[in-house]
Amino acid sequence: MMKKVVQTLCTLLLSTTIACASDQQDENHNLTHLKAISNGTLHDKSSSWQGKLEDLAPYKNLQNLSVENLDKSHMNTFNQILSNLSSLQELELGELTNATDNDTVSLVRALPNTLQKLSLNMSHVSPLRAKETLAKSFRRFSQLKSLKLQTSGITDNNLINVFPTSLTKLDVDNGDMHFHYIFKELSTLSELQVLKLGHVGHVGGNFLLENLSSLPTLKEFHWNCSRWVIQNILEVIHTLPHTLQVLKLEYSYRTKPQEGIVDLIKWFPPHLQGLHLSHFVLNDNAMQALMAVSTNLTILSLRNNNIHNDGLQVLMSMFPKKFLNLQKLDLYENLFDEEIAQHLFTMLSSNTTLQDISLFEDTRNLKFEVPQENYTLQKLGGNYQLTKTTRQTLNNNVKRAVTLEDLASPKFFLAS
């Protein structure tokens, strides 16, 4: 009798184990997001699942895939699998180690037509092969909305004509790009909402000036305007639509412009929600000019702008009346001292809209305390001394924000 009981229990245990394994396999094959691939090994950051590159084959439902450091030896396998991912919508391709031109061209040809978002690094491919590949492959991506492209040395004036006209976001912000004529046909991208540019030469700048006004749907404009004089930068700003929501200007050159900044700021589009300025020189007058910027700002990033104590004092005088909706404040790499930074944080610690504050990247002298009644602040960028209560408050605020986001999600209500 006891023997039969033991046999029955073993049978039940075995069947349960097989069922669980089967369920786990089905669950794995139903994954829609895989966030990392490195040297042929897969690792899903949202779970404990791991596997080999060839294990991707059964993942017919994969929608979002991020690739990091894919070695040449794995590219044939990856290309074969990639061509069968019929549901893939988002693909991020990072460094392709030791890949030849032919390897990369084969990879581009294997990309599924279903892609809506693509990040592609072709900086190691010769300009001619890159141009030919883009021309032959990109037009078939009729659903593509977002493209981040890294190439090297392409100057063909017809390049932009190979981009899908469905694009709403184009990111060509990398140091190796030298498009002189890419902006000549910008008007063909009639749905473009986000444009991110690296350094633009003066020839390309002339075309940029002529064509920016043909993008009335543009909401975000990011530009590395190094080596441009303020007057010419101002001319570009004039051509931006008044409805622009996010503006990011970076001047990453050893000589920073100091004259004309006040006029530049006063001509910023009137309805900005996000403003990012870096590597300029913002003196007291320039900081005062920020009063002219939209009261709708939710993000203000002023990294590395030589802001001194007096300039920061001017900014502090604008709180809370000027920045009623500010959620993120970034003041890294400026020249004000820790004492006034401490004063600023103390003033902002009871702010009811700020979620993210960054003042110094690394300092052990500042002691920031967040009151428990602050329910919004979630992140303090940098290395500071934080009390146990402050850390707990920040953690609670992060959890609260996630909960509120879940409650607001349609998926939550469908699941319930």
Protein backbone atom coordinates (compact mmCIF):
# COMPACT_ATOMS: atom_id res chain seq x y z
CA MET A 1 0.00 0.00 0.00
CA MET A 2 2.74 2.41 1.01
CA LYS A 3 4.62 1.57 -2.19
CA LYS A 4 1.60 2.55 -4.30
CA VAL A 5 1.24 5.82 -2.41
CA VAL A 6 4.90 6.65 -3.03
CA GLN A 7 4.54 5.79 -6.73
CA THR A 8 1.45 7.98 -7.00
CA LEU A 9 3.20 10.90 -5.30
CA CYS A 10 6.24 10.53 -7.57
CA THR A 11 3.99 10.47 -10.64
CA LEU A 12 2.18 13.61 -9.50
CA LEU A 13 5.47 15.34 -8.74
CA LEU A 14 6.92 14.42 -12.14
CA SER A 15 3.82 15.56 -14.02
CA THR A 16 3.78 18.83 -12.07
CA THR A 17 7.45 19.40 -12.86
CA ILE A 18 6.88 18.74 -16.57
CA ALA A 19 3.84 21.03 -16.58
CA CYS A 20 5.78 23.80 -14.86
CA ALA A 21 8.67 23.38 -17.28
CA SER A 22 6.24 23.47 -20.19
CA ASP A 23 4.55 26.57 -18.79
CA GLN A 24 7.95 28.19 -18.28
CA GLN A 25 8.94 27.34 -21.86
CA ASP A 26 5.68 28.77 -23.20
CA GLU A 27 6.17 31.85 -21.06
CA ASN A 28 9.70 32.30 -22.39
CA HIS A 29 8.56 31.86 -25.99
CA ASN A 30 5.89 34.49 -25.40
CA LEU A 31 8.36 37.11 -24.20
CA THR A 32 7.97 40.31 -26.18
CA HIS A 33 10.98 42.29 -24.86
CA LEU A 34 14.60 41.18 -24.68
CA LYS A 35 16.94 43.92 -23.55
CA ALA A 36 20.47 42.63 -24.03
CA ILE A 37 22.58 40.42 -26.24
CA SER A 38 26.32 40.23 -25.71
CA ASN A 39 28.77 37.93 -27.48
CA GLY A 40 26.14 35.37 -28.37
CA THR A 41 24.60 35.19 -24.89
CA LEU A 42 21.07 36.37 -24.18
CA HIS A 43 19.95 37.89 -20.91
CA ASP A 44 16.50 39.28 -20.24
CA LYS A 45 16.96 42.06 -17.69
CA SER A 46 13.33 41.85 -16.56
CA SER A 47 13.62 38.18 -15.48
CA SER A 48 16.18 35.54 -14.56
CA TRP A 49 15.98 33.85 -17.97
CA GLN A 50 19.21 33.34 -19.92
CA GLY A 51 20.13 31.48 -23.09
CA LYS A 52 22.22 31.30 -26.24
CA LEU A 53 21.76 33.32 -29.41
CA GLU A 54 20.27 30.38 -31.29
CA ASP A 55 17.59 30.13 -28.58
CA LEU A 56 15.97 33.20 -30.13
CA ALA A 57 14.52 31.08 -32.95
CA PRO A 58 11.21 30.15 -31.21
CA TYR A 59 10.51 33.75 -30.17
CA LYS A 60 8.03 34.57 -32.90
CA ASN A 61 6.29 37.14 -30.68
CA LEU A 62 9.40 39.18 -29.91
CA GLN A 63 8.60 42.87 -30.37
CA ASN A 64 11.51 44.69 -28.74
CA LEU A 65 15.15 43.61 -29.05
CA SER A 66 18.34 45.35 -27.94
CA VAL A 67 21.73 44.18 -29.22
CA GLU A 68 25.05 44.98 -27.57
CA ASN A 69 28.54 43.96 -28.71
CA LEU A 70 27.48 41.37 -31.25
CA ASP A 71 30.60 39.60 -32.52
CA LYS A 72 31.24 38.78 -36.19
CA SER A 73 31.20 35.04 -35.41
CA HIS A 74 27.54 35.24 -34.38
CA MET A 75 26.24 37.49 -37.14
CA ASN A 76 25.14 34.77 -39.59
CA THR A 77 23.09 33.09 -36.88
CA PHE A 78 21.63 36.39 -35.80
CA ASN A 79 20.72 37.39 -39.37
CA GLN A 80 18.89 34.11 -39.96
CA ILE A 81 16.88 34.53 -36.76
CA LEU A 82 16.25 38.21 -37.38
CA SER A 83 14.61 37.59 -40.75
CA ASN A 84 12.04 35.32 -39.04
CA LEU A 85 11.00 37.74 -36.29
CA SER A 86 7.78 38.71 -38.01
CA SER A 87 6.44 40.70 -35.03
CA LEU A 88 9.57 42.74 -34.29
CA GLN A 89 8.81 46.45 -33.90
CA GLU A 90 11.83 47.92 -32.09
CA LEU A 91 15.48 47.02 -32.65
CA GLU A 92 18.58 48.63 -31.18
CA LEU A 93 21.85 47.56 -32.78
CA GLY A 94 24.96 48.56 -30.86
CA GLU A 95 28.60 47.79 -31.59
CA LEU A 96 29.16 45.06 -34.18
CA THR A 97 32.62 43.80 -33.21
CA ASN A 98 34.96 42.94 -36.12
CA ALA A 99 32.08 43.12 -38.59
CA THR A 100 32.95 43.68 -42.25
CA ASP A 101 30.97 45.78 -44.71
CA ASN A 102 29.36 42.60 -46.06
CA ASP A 103 28.36 41.46 -42.57
CA THR A 104 26.56 44.70 -41.85
CA VAL A 105 24.94 44.87 -45.28
CA SER A 106 23.59 41.33 -44.79
CA LEU A 107 22.24 42.32 -41.41
CA VAL A 108 20.42 45.35 -42.82
CA ARG A 109 18.89 43.19 -45.55
CA ALA A 110 17.62 40.75 -42.90
CA LEU A 111 15.75 43.45 -40.98
CA PRO A 112 12.01 42.71 -40.89
CA ASN A 113 9.61 45.11 -42.60
CA THR A 114 7.58 45.39 -39.40
CA LEU A 115 10.10 47.69 -37.69
CA GLN A 116 8.76 50.91 -36.22
CA LYS A 117 11.90 51.93 -34.31
CA LEU A 118 15.50 51.28 -35.38
CA SER A 119 18.90 52.24 -33.98
CA LEU A 120 21.64 51.33 -36.47
CA ASN A 121 25.42 51.79 -36.28
CA MET A 122 27.06 51.76 -39.72
CA SER A 123 30.04 53.93 -38.83
CA HIS A 124 32.50 51.16 -39.78
CA VAL A 125 30.96 50.69 -43.23
CA SER A 126 32.48 52.52 -46.19
CA PRO A 127 30.41 55.57 -47.24
CA LEU A 128 29.62 54.12 -50.68
CA ARG A 129 28.42 50.74 -49.36
CA ALA A 130 26.45 52.44 -46.61
CA LYS A 131 24.71 54.72 -49.10
CA GLU A 132 23.90 51.82 -51.45
CA THR A 133 22.58 49.67 -48.61
CA LEU A 134 20.40 52.42 -47.19
CA ALA A 135 19.00 53.22 -50.63
CA LYS A 136 18.07 49.58 -51.32
CA SER A 137 16.72 48.67 -47.89
CA PHE A 138 15.16 51.64 -46.16
CA ARG A 139 12.24 52.37 -48.45
CA ARG A 140 10.61 49.05 -47.56
CA PHE A 141 10.23 50.12 -43.91
CA SER A 142 6.86 51.73 -44.48
CA GLN A 143 6.00 51.53 -40.77
CA LEU A 144 9.27 53.00 -39.46
CA LYS A 145 8.65 55.94 -37.13
CA SER A 146 11.98 56.38 -35.34
CA LEU A 147 15.49 56.11 -36.83
CA LYS A 148 18.81 56.60 -35.07
CA LEU A 149 21.61 56.34 -37.63
CA GLN A 150 25.38 56.41 -37.25
CA THR A 151 27.45 56.48 -40.41
CA SER A 152 30.74 57.99 -41.50
CA GLY A 153 31.50 60.29 -44.39
CA ILE A 154 28.27 60.15 -46.41
CA THR A 155 27.81 63.46 -48.20
CA ASP A 156 25.43 62.48 -51.00
CA ASN A 157 22.75 65.09 -51.49
CA ASN A 158 20.08 62.44 -52.11
CA LEU A 159 20.64 60.54 -48.86
CA ILE A 160 17.55 61.83 -47.11
CA ASN A 161 15.43 60.58 -50.00
CA VAL A 162 16.09 56.99 -48.91
CA PHE A 163 14.55 57.58 -45.48
CA PRO A 164 10.94 56.40 -45.06
CA THR A 165 8.55 59.34 -45.26
CA SER A 166 6.71 57.85 -42.27
CA LEU A 167 9.51 58.99 -39.91
CA THR A 168 8.47 61.06 -36.91
CA LYS A 169 11.92 60.93 -35.27
CA LEU A 170 15.34 61.23 -36.94
CA ASP A 171 18.51 61.08 -34.84
CA VAL A 172 21.80 61.71 -36.66
CA ASP A 173 23.56 63.11 -33.60
CA ASN A 174 27.04 61.57 -33.68
CA GLY A 175 30.49 63.00 -34.14
CA ASP A 176 31.41 61.03 -37.28
CA MET A 177 28.63 62.40 -39.44
CA HIS A 178 29.38 65.11 -41.96
CA PHE A 179 26.17 65.53 -43.94
CA HIS A 180 26.48 68.64 -46.07
CA TYR A 181 23.26 68.23 -48.01
CA ILE A 182 21.11 66.00 -45.84
CA PHE A 183 18.87 68.94 -44.95
CA LYS A 184 18.14 69.92 -48.53
CA GLU A 185 15.13 67.59 -48.75
CA LEU A 186 13.92 67.80 -45.15
CA SER A 187 10.49 68.81 -46.36
CA THR A 188 9.94 65.24 -47.64
CA LEU A 189 9.72 64.13 -43.99
CA SER A 190 6.39 65.86 -43.53
CA GLU A 191 5.52 63.99 -40.31
CA LEU A 192 8.82 64.65 -38.52
CA GLN A 193 8.38 65.59 -34.85
CA VAL A 194 11.88 65.02 -33.40
CA LEU A 195 15.16 66.03 -35.09
CA LYS A 196 18.52 65.38 -33.42
CA LEU A 197 21.63 66.70 -35.14
CA GLY A 198 25.34 66.52 -34.49
CA HIS A 199 27.78 69.12 -35.78
CA VAL A 200 26.50 70.81 -38.93
CA GLY A 201 28.96 72.51 -41.29
CA HIS A 202 28.10 75.91 -42.71
CA VAL A 203 27.13 74.46 -46.11
CA GLY A 204 24.64 72.12 -44.45
CA GLY A 205 23.64 74.98 -42.18
CA ASN A 206 22.43 77.03 -45.13
CA PHE A 207 20.15 74.18 -46.22
CA LEU A 208 19.03 73.74 -42.63
CA LEU A 209 17.98 77.39 -42.46
CA GLU A 210 16.03 77.04 -45.69
CA ASN A 211 14.18 73.87 -44.73
CA LEU A 212 13.47 73.93 -40.99
CA SER A 213 10.46 76.13 -41.62
CA SER A 214 8.98 73.32 -43.75
CA LEU A 215 8.58 71.15 -40.64
CA PRO A 216 5.50 72.59 -38.89
CA THR A 217 4.99 69.36 -36.90
CA LEU A 218 8.45 69.56 -35.27
CA LYS A 219 8.22 69.26 -31.46
CA GLU A 220 11.83 68.53 -30.45
CA PHE A 221 15.07 69.96 -31.85
CA HIS A 222 18.50 68.85 -30.58
CA TRP A 223 21.61 70.42 -32.09
CA ASN A 224 25.34 70.48 -31.45
CA CYS A 225 25.97 74.02 -32.68
CA SER A 226 29.74 74.03 -32.02
CA ARG A 227 31.81 76.64 -33.91
CA TRP A 228 28.74 78.59 -34.95
CA VAL A 229 28.59 82.24 -33.97
CA ILE A 230 25.62 83.27 -31.87
CA GLN A 231 24.09 85.35 -34.66
CA ASN A 232 23.91 82.32 -36.96
CA ILE A 233 22.52 80.14 -34.17
CA LEU A 234 19.91 82.82 -33.62
CA GLU A 235 18.91 82.63 -37.29
CA VAL A 236 18.29 78.89 -36.91
CA ILE A 237 16.22 79.47 -33.76
CA HIS A 238 14.11 81.99 -35.69
CA THR A 239 13.11 79.31 -38.20
CA LEU A 240 11.86 76.84 -35.58
CA PRO A 241 8.08 76.53 -35.22
CA HIS A 242 6.60 78.47 -32.30
CA THR A 243 4.93 75.26 -31.17
CA LEU A 244 8.31 73.57 -30.43
CA GLN A 245 8.20 71.80 -27.06
CA VAL A 246 11.81 70.69 -26.45
CA LEU A 247 15.03 72.54 -27.37
CA LYS A 248 18.52 71.19 -26.74
CA LEU A 249 21.59 73.22 -27.73
CA GLU A 250 25.15 72.05 -27.07
CA TYR A 251 28.33 73.97 -27.80
CA SER A 252 31.05 71.34 -27.28
CA TYR A 253 34.03 73.40 -28.42
CA ARG A 254 36.98 74.68 -26.41
CA THR A 255 36.03 78.33 -26.96
CA LYS A 256 32.62 79.07 -25.47
CA PRO A 257 30.51 81.93 -26.85
CA GLN A 258 29.83 84.71 -24.35
CA GLU A 259 28.28 87.52 -26.37
CA GLY A 260 24.72 87.48 -27.64
CA ILE A 261 23.47 84.77 -25.28
CA VAL A 262 20.80 87.06 -23.82
CA ASP A 263 19.31 87.75 -27.26
CA LEU A 264 19.45 84.05 -28.09
CA ILE A 265 17.48 83.08 -24.98
CA LYS A 266 14.87 85.78 -25.58
CA TRP A 267 14.13 84.29 -29.01
CA PHE A 268 13.51 80.75 -27.79
CA PRO A 269 10.12 79.35 -28.90
CA PRO A 270 7.43 80.54 -26.46
CA HIS A 271 5.85 77.20 -25.53
CA LEU A 272 8.88 75.14 -24.46
CA GLN A 273 8.38 72.31 -21.99
CA GLY A 274 12.00 71.15 -22.00
CA LEU A 275 15.15 73.32 -22.27
CA HIS A 276 18.69 71.90 -22.36
CA LEU A 277 21.71 74.21 -22.68
CA SER A 278 25.28 73.03 -22.25
CA HIS A 279 28.79 74.42 -22.77
CA PHE A 280 27.74 78.06 -23.10
CA VAL A 281 28.63 80.88 -20.70
CA LEU A 282 25.56 81.95 -18.74
CA ASN A 283 26.38 85.11 -16.79
CA ASP A 284 23.96 86.96 -14.51
CA ASN A 285 22.24 88.71 -17.43
CA ALA A 286 21.80 85.45 -19.31
CA MET A 287 20.31 83.82 -16.22
CA GLN A 288 17.96 86.76 -15.84
CA ALA A 289 16.90 86.30 -19.48
CA LEU A 290 15.52 82.90 -18.52
CA MET A 291 12.57 84.83 -17.12
CA ALA A 292 11.41 85.12 -20.74
CA VAL A 293 11.29 81.34 -21.16
CA SER A 294 7.94 79.56 -21.05
CA THR A 295 6.32 79.00 -17.66
CA ASN A 296 5.37 75.52 -18.92
CA LEU A 297 8.90 74.12 -18.45
CA THR A 298 8.97 70.65 -16.92
CA ILE A 299 12.69 70.08 -17.64
CA LEU A 300 15.50 72.62 -17.20
CA SER A 301 19.03 71.35 -17.83
CA LEU A 302 21.90 73.87 -17.64
CA ARG A 303 24.98 71.64 -17.57
CA ASN A 304 28.47 73.09 -17.86
CA ASN A 305 27.56 76.72 -18.51
CA ASN A 306 30.03 78.48 -16.16
CA ILE A 307 27.21 79.48 -13.79
CA HIS A 308 28.64 81.22 -10.72
CA ASN A 309 27.04 81.94 -7.34
CA ASP A 310 25.41 85.18 -8.51
CA GLY A 311 23.90 83.45 -11.52
CA LEU A 312 22.51 80.66 -9.36
CA GLN A 313 21.09 83.28 -7.01
CA VAL A 314 19.22 84.78 -9.96
CA LEU A 315 17.81 81.35 -10.81
CA MET A 316 16.77 80.79 -7.21
CA SER A 317 14.81 84.03 -7.23
CA MET A 318 12.58 82.57 -9.96
CA PHE A 319 11.27 79.79 -7.70
CA PRO A 320 8.47 79.01 -7.28
CA LYS A 321 6.61 81.62 -9.34
CA LYS A 322 8.44 81.09 -12.63
CA PHE A 323 8.76 77.31 -12.62
CA LEU A 324 5.37 76.13 -11.47
CA ASN A 325 5.53 72.82 -13.36
CA LEU A 326 9.24 71.95 -13.20
CA GLN A 327 9.89 68.22 -12.71
CA LYS A 328 13.62 67.96 -13.47
CA LEU A 329 16.46 70.39 -12.67
CA ASP A 330 20.03 69.58 -13.79
CA LEU A 331 22.88 71.96 -12.89
CA TYR A 332 25.89 69.62 -13.12
CA GLU A 333 29.40 70.92 -13.88
CA ASN A 334 28.99 74.61 -13.09
CA LEU A 335 31.05 76.99 -10.94
CA PHE A 336 28.82 77.78 -7.96
CA ASP A 337 29.98 76.55 -4.56
CA GLU A 338 28.50 73.91 -2.30
CA GLU A 339 27.15 76.35 0.26
CA ILE A 340 24.75 78.02 -2.15
CA ALA A 341 23.88 74.62 -3.63
CA GLN A 342 22.92 73.48 -0.14
CA HIS A 343 20.74 76.57 0.22
CA LEU A 344 19.09 75.89 -3.14
CA PHE A 345 18.29 72.31 -2.22
CA THR A 346 16.88 73.29 1.15
CA MET A 347 14.60 75.73 -0.65
CA LEU A 348 13.51 73.08 -3.16
CA SER A 349 13.09 70.20 -0.71
CA SER A 350 9.46 71.12 -0.13
CA ASN A 351 8.73 71.69 -3.83
CA THR A 352 5.63 69.76 -4.91
CA THR A 353 6.48 69.20 -8.60
CA LEU A 354 10.22 68.35 -8.77
CA GLN A 355 10.98 64.65 -9.28
CA ASP A 356 14.69 64.79 -10.19
CA ILE A 357 17.39 67.21 -8.94
CA SER A 358 21.09 67.13 -9.94
CA LEU A 359 23.49 69.74 -8.52
CA PHE A 360 26.90 68.05 -8.14
CA GLU A 361 28.10 64.74 -9.54
CA ASP A 362 30.36 63.84 -6.63
CA THR A 363 30.57 65.53 -3.26
CA ARG A 364 30.52 64.21 0.29
CA ASN A 365 30.09 67.63 1.87
CA LEU A 366 26.47 68.23 0.95
CA LYS A 367 23.82 66.85 3.28
CA PHE A 368 20.45 66.66 1.63
CA GLU A 369 17.36 65.86 3.65
CA VAL A 370 14.02 65.32 2.00
CA PRO A 371 11.03 65.83 4.32
CA GLN A 372 8.67 62.87 4.59
CA GLU A 373 5.78 65.05 3.44
CA ASN A 374 7.51 65.44 0.04
CA TYR A 375 5.66 62.92 -2.14
CA THR A 376 7.15 63.81 -5.54
CA LEU A 377 10.99 63.85 -5.39
CA GLN A 378 12.31 60.48 -6.60
CA LYS A 379 15.93 61.03 -7.61
CA LEU A 380 18.96 63.01 -6.45
CA GLY A 381 21.61 62.84 -9.17
CA GLY A 382 25.13 62.62 -7.76
CA ASN A 383 26.90 61.18 -4.74
CA TYR A 384 25.62 62.85 -1.57
CA GLN A 385 25.26 62.11 2.10
CA LEU A 386 21.65 61.05 2.57
CA THR A 387 19.99 60.15 5.84
CA LYS A 388 18.17 56.85 6.19
CA THR A 389 14.87 58.71 6.32
CA THR A 390 15.66 60.57 3.09
CA ARG A 391 16.56 57.36 1.25
CA GLN A 392 13.33 55.78 2.45
CA THR A 393 11.32 58.80 1.35
CA LEU A 394 12.84 58.68 -2.14
CA ASN A 395 12.17 54.94 -2.42
CA ASN A 396 8.58 55.41 -1.30
CA ASN A 397 8.08 58.15 -3.87
CA VAL A 398 9.42 55.93 -6.66
CA LYS A 399 7.05 53.11 -5.66
CA ARG A 400 4.16 55.55 -5.42
CA ALA A 401 4.88 56.90 -8.92
CA VAL A 402 4.99 53.36 -10.37
CA THR A 403 1.69 52.51 -8.69
CA LEU A 404 0.03 55.64 -10.01
CA GLU A 405 1.36 54.89 -13.51
CA ASP A 406 -0.05 51.36 -13.33
CA LEU A 407 -3.41 52.67 -12.19
CA ALA A 408 -3.49 55.07 -15.12
CA SER A 409 -2.56 52.36 -17.64
CA PRO A 410 -5.38 50.87 -19.75
CA LYS A 411 -3.69 47.47 -19.38
CA PHE A 412 -4.28 47.60 -15.63
CA PHE A 413 -8.01 47.96 -16.04
CA LEU A 414 -8.19 45.24 -18.69
CA ALA A 415 -6.30 42.86 -16.44
CA SER A 416 -8.62 43.49 -13.53
